Amino acid sequence: MSAYVMDSQLFGDQFSTAEMREIFSDRMTVQKWLDVEAALSRAEAEAGIIPVEAADEILRVADADLYDLTAMKDEMDRTSHPIIPLVRAMDEKCRGSHGGYVHWGATTQDIMDTGQILQIKEAWSVIRCDVEKLVDVLTVLAESHKTTIMAGRTHGQQAQPITFGYKVAVWLDELRRHQDRMSSASERLFVGQFSGAVGSMAALGVSGLVIQGRMMELLELKQPTICWHVARDTMAEAAAVLAMLTGSIGKIAHEIFMLQKSEIAELEEPMPAGKVGSSTMPHKRNPAICETIVALARVAKGCLIQAYENLIAEHERDKIGLQAEREYVSRLHALTHSAVRKMILVSTALNVHPENMRRNLEITEGLLLSEAVMMALAPIMGRQEAHEVIYNIVQKAAIDGVGMKDSLLASSDVTSKLNEMEIENILDPTVYTGLCEHFVDRVLKS
């Protein structure tokens, strides 16, 4: 296994996706640095700061495939610097003296920050697209099971009847909020960086602002109001949004995991032919995908520590935070996208068992409709007295193992107010799902 599981040939697809590995690959990282250097030179040429011919030559060599990454890595080790090896290699590849204009007025972090933002922007585009696919799948699931009755559970115990569509609609509404968060965070996140050594633009002066604006226009990023070398709040916000998204998907996976237990068997993740649950127990139908998603959510949460620690930085520049970002940014995006992809797979072919949902509603023999009975009696004897009467009946019924209907019929406090037919109607779980269907419709229409 590789040192990082996302790079493992065996386990990589469980903790990442091919798209995220490509976006955050070494070659793509170098390409984004080159894109930034090329945009900078073009903006400076248009402003008359460097020759147009130099900008053209810099653009010509701004192709990562032209560079030996092994040699670049050796130079990084020798110089203890990430960008100097690239700048020197670009200089060597430029014809004539044009290489002397590479990196004009920039500092290392300008290139690396902006390059990283370009990678994140690309990654978010992929993640957002797949979150939309997941939302579409859950929309269909909520609509198709809007009236599929099941037991609602609180504190791990049966509480009141709900519908499965209602449960899915809660998931759906939560994911839509994460979509809103990603959109909102994007406004603050996709901002480039170019301001020089301490952020003062001293090397270029007022013309630097024009260059900065044009540079960001070429890169399709926003122009910063001021340098953000040591202001990592947007990076922390981005990490929080991704961790929350992954956490919500983990919650959905955990719910499916819980409802797939043999004794409940209301849901089951896809079990295609050939999927094996156990090396020793052939009968096992384990929720392996959901278990992995929950693990992804737990690991993703850990990235927040690094992101939040980076809010504290020294003076006008600090490499400590940048090193930490290099470690967690790609990993967090990989974990998030893997969770989204896996949940699409699970929810698209989710096995729903309405017959087991209905069977489980009968386990307590009507006790989960205690509130329904209480509310029927409340207008007659008052809410508090009704609660006391029903409380005593159902607690005894639970201990004695007697069904709700028989327990109610054995109580004169109840039969003096309600007849047998009325009691039977109250104990019909299908009429006590409240506004579940209405709430599903509200979510679907929102």
Protein backbone atom coordinates (compact mmCIF):
# COMPACT_ATOMS: atom_id res chain seq x y z
CA MET A 1 0.00 0.00 0.00
CA SER A 2 1.22 3.52 -0.75
CA ALA A 3 2.16 5.92 2.02
CA TYR A 4 -1.00 7.87 1.17
CA VAL A 5 -3.96 5.59 0.62
CA MET A 6 -5.39 7.84 -2.11
CA ASP A 7 -2.26 7.09 -4.18
CA SER A 8 -2.60 3.35 -3.66
CA GLN A 9 -3.16 1.26 -6.75
CA LEU A 10 -5.29 -1.08 -4.63
CA PHE A 11 -7.25 1.30 -2.40
CA GLY A 12 -6.98 4.63 -4.20
CA ASP A 13 -10.49 4.58 -5.64
CA GLN A 14 -12.00 4.05 -2.21
CA PHE A 15 -10.50 7.29 -0.90
CA SER A 16 -10.29 9.38 -4.05
CA THR A 17 -11.32 9.54 -7.69
CA ALA A 18 -9.38 9.57 -10.94
CA GLU A 19 -10.53 13.16 -11.57
CA MET A 20 -9.22 14.47 -8.25
CA ARG A 21 -5.94 12.60 -8.60
CA GLU A 22 -5.45 14.19 -12.01
CA ILE A 23 -6.40 17.72 -10.91
CA PHE A 24 -3.98 17.61 -7.98
CA SER A 25 -1.26 15.59 -9.70
CA ASP A 26 2.30 16.91 -9.80
CA ARG A 27 2.10 17.58 -13.51
CA MET A 28 -1.17 19.49 -13.16
CA THR A 29 0.27 21.47 -10.25
CA VAL A 30 3.21 22.51 -12.40
CA GLN A 31 0.86 23.30 -15.29
CA LYS A 32 -1.17 25.65 -13.11
CA TRP A 33 2.04 27.40 -12.01
CA LEU A 34 2.95 27.77 -15.67
CA ASP A 35 -0.52 29.10 -16.46
CA VAL A 36 -0.08 31.76 -13.80
CA GLU A 37 3.38 32.74 -15.05
CA ALA A 38 2.03 32.94 -18.61
CA ALA A 39 -0.94 35.10 -17.58
CA LEU A 40 1.39 37.38 -15.62
CA SER A 41 3.73 37.88 -18.58
CA ARG A 42 0.82 38.52 -20.95
CA ALA A 43 -0.65 41.15 -18.61
CA GLU A 44 2.75 42.80 -18.20
CA ALA A 45 3.32 42.85 -21.96
CA GLU A 46 -0.05 44.50 -22.52
CA ALA A 47 0.89 47.11 -19.90
CA GLY A 48 4.22 47.74 -21.63
CA ILE A 49 6.27 46.42 -18.71
CA ILE A 50 7.94 43.58 -20.62
CA PRO A 51 8.34 42.99 -24.39
CA VAL A 52 5.46 41.30 -26.19
CA GLU A 53 7.98 38.89 -27.69
CA ALA A 54 9.02 37.83 -24.20
CA ALA A 55 5.42 37.14 -23.22
CA ASP A 56 4.94 35.08 -26.39
CA GLU A 57 8.05 33.06 -25.62
CA ILE A 58 6.98 32.51 -22.01
CA LEU A 59 3.58 31.31 -23.24
CA ARG A 60 5.32 28.91 -25.64
CA VAL A 61 7.22 27.21 -22.84
CA ALA A 62 4.24 27.18 -20.44
CA ASP A 63 3.54 23.50 -21.04
CA ALA A 64 4.23 21.05 -18.22
CA ASP A 65 5.00 18.29 -20.71
CA LEU A 66 8.16 20.18 -21.67
CA TYR A 67 9.63 19.74 -18.19
CA ASP A 68 11.35 16.86 -16.43
CA LEU A 69 9.57 16.64 -13.08
CA THR A 70 12.24 14.34 -11.66
CA ALA A 71 14.92 16.91 -12.41
CA MET A 72 12.68 19.62 -10.99
CA LYS A 73 12.22 17.63 -7.81
CA ASP A 74 16.00 17.22 -7.49
CA GLU A 75 16.41 20.99 -7.83
CA MET A 76 13.69 21.56 -5.23
CA ASP A 77 15.63 19.35 -2.84
CA ARG A 78 18.88 21.16 -3.61
CA THR A 79 17.46 24.69 -3.35
CA SER A 80 14.84 24.01 -0.66
CA HIS A 81 12.54 26.05 -2.86
CA PRO A 82 9.49 25.04 -4.94
CA ILE A 83 9.36 27.75 -7.63
CA ILE A 84 12.98 28.68 -8.32
CA PRO A 85 13.61 25.38 -10.17
CA LEU A 86 10.62 26.08 -12.43
CA VAL A 87 11.63 29.69 -13.09
CA ARG A 88 15.18 28.59 -13.99
CA ALA A 89 13.89 25.80 -16.22
CA MET A 90 11.57 28.26 -18.02
CA ASP A 91 14.46 30.67 -18.45
CA GLU A 92 16.55 27.93 -20.06
CA LYS A 93 13.79 26.95 -22.47
CA CYS A 94 13.01 30.49 -23.60
CA ARG A 95 14.87 31.58 -26.71
CA GLY A 96 17.18 34.55 -26.65
CA SER A 97 17.06 36.68 -23.53
CA HIS A 98 13.29 36.44 -23.11
CA GLY A 99 13.59 34.08 -20.15
CA GLY A 100 14.84 37.00 -18.11
CA TYR A 101 11.27 38.30 -17.94
CA VAL A 102 9.82 35.18 -16.31
CA HIS A 103 8.33 35.81 -12.84
CA TRP A 104 8.67 39.59 -13.27
CA GLY A 105 7.57 41.35 -10.07
CA ALA A 106 6.12 38.17 -8.56
CA THR A 107 6.93 36.21 -5.44
CA THR A 108 6.73 32.46 -4.98
CA GLN A 109 3.50 32.49 -3.03
CA ASP A 110 1.78 34.55 -5.72
CA ILE A 111 2.33 31.71 -8.15
CA MET A 112 1.58 28.88 -5.76
CA ASP A 113 -1.52 30.42 -4.20
CA THR A 114 -3.02 31.32 -7.56
CA GLY A 115 -2.12 27.94 -9.02
CA GLN A 116 -3.78 26.19 -6.09
CA ILE A 117 -6.92 28.27 -6.49
CA LEU A 118 -7.05 27.24 -10.16
CA GLN A 119 -6.87 23.60 -9.09
CA ILE A 120 -9.55 24.07 -6.44
CA LYS A 121 -11.80 25.84 -8.92
CA GLU A 122 -11.50 22.93 -11.32
CA ALA A 123 -12.10 20.43 -8.51
CA TRP A 124 -15.17 22.29 -7.27
CA SER A 125 -16.62 22.27 -10.77
CA VAL A 126 -16.39 18.48 -10.84
CA ILE A 127 -17.70 18.06 -7.27
CA ARG A 128 -20.60 20.45 -7.80
CA CYS A 129 -21.60 18.64 -10.96
CA ASP A 130 -21.74 15.33 -9.11
CA VAL A 131 -23.56 16.82 -6.12
CA GLU A 132 -26.20 17.98 -8.60
CA LYS A 133 -26.45 14.40 -9.90
CA LEU A 134 -26.89 13.16 -6.34
CA VAL A 135 -29.60 15.76 -5.72
CA ASP A 136 -31.39 14.58 -8.86
CA VAL A 137 -31.28 10.95 -7.69
CA LEU A 138 -32.58 11.83 -4.22
CA THR A 139 -35.32 13.96 -5.78
CA VAL A 140 -36.63 10.92 -7.65
CA LEU A 141 -36.31 8.76 -4.53
CA ALA A 142 -38.22 11.24 -2.36
CA GLU A 143 -41.01 11.58 -4.91
CA SER A 144 -41.40 7.85 -5.52
CA HIS A 145 -41.57 7.06 -1.79
CA LYS A 146 -43.58 10.06 -0.68
CA THR A 147 -46.28 7.78 0.78
CA THR A 148 -44.14 4.75 1.72
CA ILE A 149 -44.88 4.46 5.42
CA MET A 150 -42.21 3.49 7.92
CA ALA A 151 -41.35 3.97 11.57
CA GLY A 152 -39.75 7.26 12.51
CA ARG A 153 -37.14 6.75 15.19
CA THR A 154 -35.73 9.01 17.88
CA HIS A 155 -33.01 8.01 20.35
CA GLY A 156 -32.76 4.69 18.50
CA GLN A 157 -36.36 3.81 19.37
CA GLN A 158 -39.54 3.78 17.31
CA ALA A 159 -41.28 7.13 17.77
CA GLN A 160 -44.07 7.84 15.24
CA PRO A 161 -44.90 6.85 11.67
CA ILE A 162 -43.28 8.83 8.86
CA THR A 163 -42.73 8.13 5.19
CA PHE A 164 -39.48 7.12 3.58
CA GLY A 165 -39.90 9.95 1.10
CA TYR A 166 -39.95 12.38 4.03
CA LYS A 167 -36.65 10.97 5.34
CA VAL A 168 -35.06 11.35 1.90
CA ALA A 169 -36.44 14.90 1.58
CA VAL A 170 -34.59 15.85 4.78
CA TRP A 171 -31.39 14.57 3.17
CA LEU A 172 -32.18 16.40 -0.03
CA ASP A 173 -32.83 19.73 1.65
CA GLU A 174 -29.55 19.44 3.54
CA LEU A 175 -27.56 18.78 0.36
CA ARG A 176 -29.17 21.78 -1.31
CA ARG A 177 -27.92 23.96 1.52
CA HIS A 178 -24.43 22.63 0.86
CA GLN A 179 -24.87 23.59 -2.79
CA ASP A 180 -25.73 27.10 -1.64
CA ARG A 181 -22.68 27.13 0.62
CA MET A 182 -20.41 26.11 -2.22
CA SER A 183 -21.85 28.85 -4.43
CA SER A 184 -21.48 31.46 -1.71
CA ALA A 185 -17.96 30.37 -0.76
CA SER A 186 -16.93 30.41 -4.42
CA GLU A 187 -17.44 34.17 -4.49
CA ARG A 188 -14.76 34.58 -1.84
CA LEU A 189 -12.57 31.60 -2.75
CA PHE A 190 -11.84 31.98 -6.44
CA VAL A 191 -9.61 35.00 -6.02
CA GLY A 192 -6.07 35.11 -7.41
CA GLN A 193 -2.88 36.32 -5.78
CA PHE A 194 -0.25 38.71 -7.15
CA SER A 195 1.29 41.40 -5.02
CA GLY A 196 5.00 40.69 -4.53
CA ALA A 197 7.19 39.85 -1.57
CA VAL A 198 5.22 41.44 1.30
CA GLY A 199 2.05 42.22 -0.63
CA SER A 200 2.86 45.88 -1.25
CA MET A 201 3.40 45.61 -5.03
CA ALA A 202 6.68 47.51 -4.53
CA ALA A 203 8.34 46.04 -7.65
CA LEU A 204 5.67 47.42 -10.00
CA GLY A 205 3.94 50.24 -8.16
CA VAL A 206 0.59 51.56 -9.44
CA SER A 207 0.92 49.72 -12.75
CA GLY A 208 0.91 46.53 -10.72
CA LEU A 209 -2.81 46.95 -10.06
CA VAL A 210 -3.54 47.08 -13.77
CA ILE A 211 -1.37 44.03 -14.34
CA GLN A 212 -3.01 42.23 -11.46
CA GLY A 213 -6.49 42.94 -12.80
CA ARG A 214 -5.66 41.79 -16.33
CA MET A 215 -3.80 38.73 -15.02
CA MET A 216 -6.86 37.60 -13.05
CA GLU A 217 -9.10 38.30 -16.02
CA LEU A 218 -6.97 35.98 -18.15
CA LEU A 219 -7.10 33.29 -15.45
CA GLU A 220 -10.86 33.81 -14.92
CA LEU A 221 -10.37 34.60 -11.25
CA LYS A 222 -11.37 37.60 -9.18
CA GLN A 223 -8.88 40.36 -8.44
CA PRO A 224 -7.99 40.53 -4.75
CA THR A 225 -8.76 43.68 -2.78
CA ILE A 226 -5.48 43.26 -0.93
CA CYS A 227 -2.82 40.59 -0.55
CA TRP A 228 -4.00 37.42 1.23
CA HIS A 229 -0.64 35.69 1.78
CA VAL A 230 -1.37 35.33 5.50
CA ALA A 231 -5.17 35.59 5.34
CA ARG A 232 -6.25 31.95 4.99
CA ASP A 233 -9.87 32.39 6.03
CA THR A 234 -11.20 31.53 2.59
CA MET A 235 -9.17 28.32 2.59
CA ALA A 236 -10.59 27.46 6.00
CA GLU A 237 -14.09 28.25 4.77
CA ALA A 238 -13.61 26.01 1.74
CA ALA A 239 -12.39 23.19 3.96
CA ALA A 240 -15.36 23.61 6.27
CA VAL A 241 -17.83 23.50 3.37
CA LEU A 242 -16.29 20.33 1.96
CA ALA A 243 -16.09 18.67 5.38
CA MET A 244 -19.73 19.50 6.07
CA LEU A 245 -20.80 18.19 2.67
CA THR A 246 -18.89 14.97 3.26
CA GLY A 247 -20.30 14.76 6.79
CA SER A 248 -23.88 15.04 5.55
CA ILE A 249 -23.27 12.33 2.98
CA GLY A 250 -21.71 10.26 5.74
CA LYS A 251 -24.88 10.75 7.79
CA ILE A 252 -27.00 9.42 4.91
CA ALA A 253 -24.68 6.44 4.49
CA HIS A 254 -24.81 5.72 8.22
CA GLU A 255 -28.61 5.80 8.18
CA ILE A 256 -28.69 3.29 5.33
CA PHE A 257 -26.14 1.20 7.24
CA MET A 258 -28.40 1.22 10.31
CA LEU A 259 -31.56 0.38 8.36
CA GLN A 260 -29.78 -2.46 6.56
CA LYS A 261 -29.23 -4.40 9.79
CA SER A 262 -30.72 -7.89 9.50
CA GLU A 263 -33.29 -7.27 12.21
CA ILE A 264 -34.54 -4.12 10.44
CA ALA A 265 -33.88 -4.80 6.72
CA GLU A 266 -35.73 -1.72 5.45
CA LEU A 267 -32.98 -0.52 3.13
CA GLU A 268 -30.05 -2.21 1.42
CA GLU A 269 -27.22 -0.74 -0.58
CA PRO A 270 -26.75 -2.20 -4.08
CA MET A 271 -25.71 -5.86 -4.06
CA PRO A 272 -24.75 -6.66 -7.65
CA ALA A 273 -23.75 -10.16 -8.67
CA GLY A 274 -20.23 -10.93 -7.52
CA LYS A 275 -20.15 -8.53 -4.57
CA VAL A 276 -18.82 -10.47 -1.57
CA GLY A 277 -19.75 -9.70 2.03
CA SER A 278 -17.41 -12.06 3.83
CA SER A 279 -14.47 -14.34 3.11
CA THR A 280 -15.87 -16.94 5.49
CA MET A 281 -19.66 -16.36 5.65
CA PRO A 282 -21.15 -16.66 2.15
CA HIS A 283 -24.55 -15.37 3.29
CA LYS A 284 -23.32 -11.92 4.30
CA ARG A 285 -24.69 -8.89 2.41
CA ASN A 286 -22.61 -6.20 4.05
CA PRO A 287 -23.14 -2.43 3.52
CA ALA A 288 -19.49 -2.07 2.49
CA ILE A 289 -19.95 1.06 0.36
CA CYS A 290 -21.85 2.89 3.10
CA GLU A 291 -19.21 1.90 5.64
CA THR A 292 -16.54 3.41 3.40
CA ILE A 293 -18.52 6.63 2.98
CA VAL A 294 -18.83 7.02 6.76
CA ALA A 295 -15.07 6.48 7.06
CA LEU A 296 -14.46 9.14 4.39
CA ALA A 297 -16.58 11.62 6.35
CA ARG A 298 -14.63 10.94 9.54
CA VAL A 299 -11.27 11.39 7.82
CA ALA A 300 -12.41 14.54 6.00
CA LYS A 301 -13.35 16.13 9.31
CA GLY A 302 -9.73 15.81 10.42
CA CYS A 303 -8.62 18.18 7.65
CA LEU A 304 -10.42 21.03 9.43
CA ILE A 305 -7.83 21.06 12.18
CA GLN A 306 -5.08 21.95 9.71
CA ALA A 307 -7.26 24.46 7.88
CA TYR A 308 -8.19 26.26 11.09
CA GLU A 309 -4.64 26.18 12.44
CA ASN A 310 -3.58 28.05 9.30
CA LEU A 311 -5.71 31.02 10.32
CA ILE A 312 -2.80 31.89 12.59
CA ALA A 313 0.18 33.05 10.52
CA GLU A 314 3.19 35.24 11.21
CA HIS A 315 3.85 38.73 9.89
CA GLU A 316 3.50 39.15 6.09
CA ARG A 317 4.35 35.60 5.08
CA ASP A 318 4.67 32.21 6.68
CA LYS A 319 5.53 28.92 4.97
CA ILE A 320 4.17 26.76 7.77
CA GLY A 321 0.57 27.16 6.66
CA LEU A 322 1.43 26.65 3.00
CA GLN A 323 3.12 23.35 3.78
CA ALA A 324 0.05 22.22 5.71
CA GLU A 325 -2.20 23.20 2.79
CA ARG A 326 -0.10 21.14 0.43
CA GLU A 327 -0.82 18.16 2.65
CA TYR A 328 -4.58 18.49 3.20
CA VAL A 329 -6.09 20.38 0.24
CA SER A 330 -5.79 17.63 -2.35
CA ARG A 331 -6.68 14.97 0.21
CA LEU A 332 -9.86 16.74 1.33
CA HIS A 333 -11.07 17.23 -2.22
CA ALA A 334 -10.36 13.60 -3.01
CA LEU A 335 -12.22 12.37 0.07
CA THR A 336 -15.20 14.61 -0.66
CA HIS A 337 -15.52 13.64 -4.30
CA SER A 338 -15.17 9.96 -3.47
CA ALA A 339 -18.00 10.23 -0.93
CA VAL A 340 -20.26 12.02 -3.42
CA ARG A 341 -19.56 9.48 -6.15
CA LYS A 342 -20.18 6.53 -3.85
CA MET A 343 -23.44 7.98 -2.57
CA ILE A 344 -24.66 8.44 -6.16
CA LEU A 345 -23.94 4.74 -6.70
CA VAL A 346 -25.75 3.73 -3.51
CA SER A 347 -28.82 5.92 -3.92
CA THR A 348 -29.28 5.21 -7.62
CA ALA A 349 -29.69 1.47 -7.00
CA LEU A 350 -30.83 1.55 -3.37
CA ASN A 351 -32.98 -1.44 -2.46
CA VAL A 352 -36.05 -0.19 -0.58
CA HIS A 353 -38.21 -2.77 1.22
CA PRO A 354 -41.65 -1.25 1.99
CA GLU A 355 -42.94 -4.61 3.22
CA ASN A 356 -40.28 -4.67 5.94
CA MET A 357 -40.99 -1.07 6.82
CA ARG A 358 -44.65 -1.98 7.35
CA ARG A 359 -43.69 -5.13 9.27
CA ASN A 360 -41.51 -3.13 11.63
CA LEU A 361 -44.35 -0.70 12.28
CA GLU A 362 -46.19 -3.59 13.92
CA ILE A 363 -43.37 -4.60 16.27
CA THR A 364 -44.66 -2.47 19.14
CA GLU A 365 -48.25 -3.50 18.42
CA GLY A 366 -49.42 0.07 18.18
CA LEU A 367 -47.43 1.64 21.01
CA LEU A 368 -45.78 4.14 18.63
CA LEU A 369 -49.23 5.73 18.22
CA SER A 370 -49.44 6.76 21.86
CA GLU A 371 -49.40 10.45 20.93
CA ALA A 372 -52.28 9.92 18.51
CA VAL A 373 -54.40 8.43 21.28
CA MET A 374 -53.34 11.13 23.73
CA MET A 375 -54.28 13.91 21.30
CA ALA A 376 -57.66 12.26 20.68
CA LEU A 377 -58.36 12.31 24.42
CA ALA A 378 -56.85 15.75 25.07
CA PRO A 379 -59.89 17.80 23.95
CA ILE A 380 -62.05 15.68 26.25
CA MET A 381 -60.01 15.43 29.45
CA GLY A 382 -57.19 17.93 28.94
CA ARG A 383 -53.77 17.34 27.52
CA GLN A 384 -51.87 16.69 30.77
CA GLU A 385 -54.43 14.25 32.16
CA ALA A 386 -54.55 12.48 28.80
CA HIS A 387 -50.77 12.16 28.88
CA GLU A 388 -50.84 10.64 32.38
CA VAL A 389 -53.57 8.16 31.46
CA ILE A 390 -51.87 6.97 28.29
CA TYR A 391 -48.44 6.97 29.93
CA ASN A 392 -49.57 4.53 32.60
CA ILE A 393 -51.31 2.32 30.04
CA VAL A 394 -48.45 2.08 27.54
CA GLN A 395 -45.68 1.66 30.12
CA LYS A 396 -47.56 -1.31 31.62
CA ALA A 397 -48.27 -2.63 28.12
CA ALA A 398 -44.57 -2.48 27.23
CA ILE A 399 -43.63 -4.45 30.37
CA ASP A 400 -46.44 -7.02 30.05
CA GLY A 401 -46.07 -7.42 26.28
CA VAL A 402 -49.70 -6.52 25.62
CA GLY A 403 -50.76 -4.78 22.40
CA MET A 404 -51.92 -1.17 22.35
CA LYS A 405 -55.51 -1.88 21.35
CA ASP A 406 -56.09 -4.47 24.08
CA SER A 407 -54.44 -2.23 26.66
CA LEU A 408 -56.67 0.71 25.72
CA LEU A 409 -59.83 -1.40 25.73
CA ALA A 410 -58.93 -2.63 29.22
CA SER A 411 -58.91 0.94 30.55
CA SER A 412 -62.20 2.50 31.61
CA ASP A 413 -60.52 5.92 31.45
CA VAL A 414 -60.24 5.37 27.69
CA THR A 415 -63.36 3.36 26.86
CA SER A 416 -65.53 5.92 28.65
CA LYS A 417 -64.36 8.43 26.08
CA LEU A 418 -63.62 6.38 22.94
CA ASN A 419 -65.36 3.34 21.47
CA GLU A 420 -63.60 0.37 19.87
CA MET A 421 -64.06 1.63 16.30
CA GLU A 422 -62.60 5.01 17.19
CA ILE A 423 -59.63 3.31 18.87
CA GLU A 424 -59.01 1.14 15.80
CA ASN A 425 -59.06 4.20 13.53
CA ILE A 426 -56.63 6.06 15.77
CA LEU A 427 -54.26 3.10 15.74
CA ASP A 428 -54.02 3.07 11.94
CA PRO A 429 -50.43 4.24 11.30
CA THR A 430 -51.23 5.40 7.77
CA VAL A 431 -53.39 8.25 9.08
CA TYR A 432 -50.75 9.58 11.49
CA THR A 433 -47.89 10.59 9.23
CA GLY A 434 -48.76 14.23 9.71
CA LEU A 435 -47.54 16.52 6.94
CA CYS A 436 -44.83 14.17 5.65
CA GLU A 437 -46.21 14.22 2.10
CA HIS A 438 -46.66 17.98 2.24
CA PHE A 439 -43.07 18.50 3.39
CA VAL A 440 -41.78 16.29 0.59
CA ASP A 441 -43.68 18.44 -1.90
CA ARG A 442 -42.29 21.62 -0.31
CA VAL A 443 -38.73 20.38 -0.65
CA LEU A 444 -39.26 19.19 -4.21
CA LYS A 445 -40.76 22.54 -5.22
CA SER A 446 -38.20 24.72 -3.44
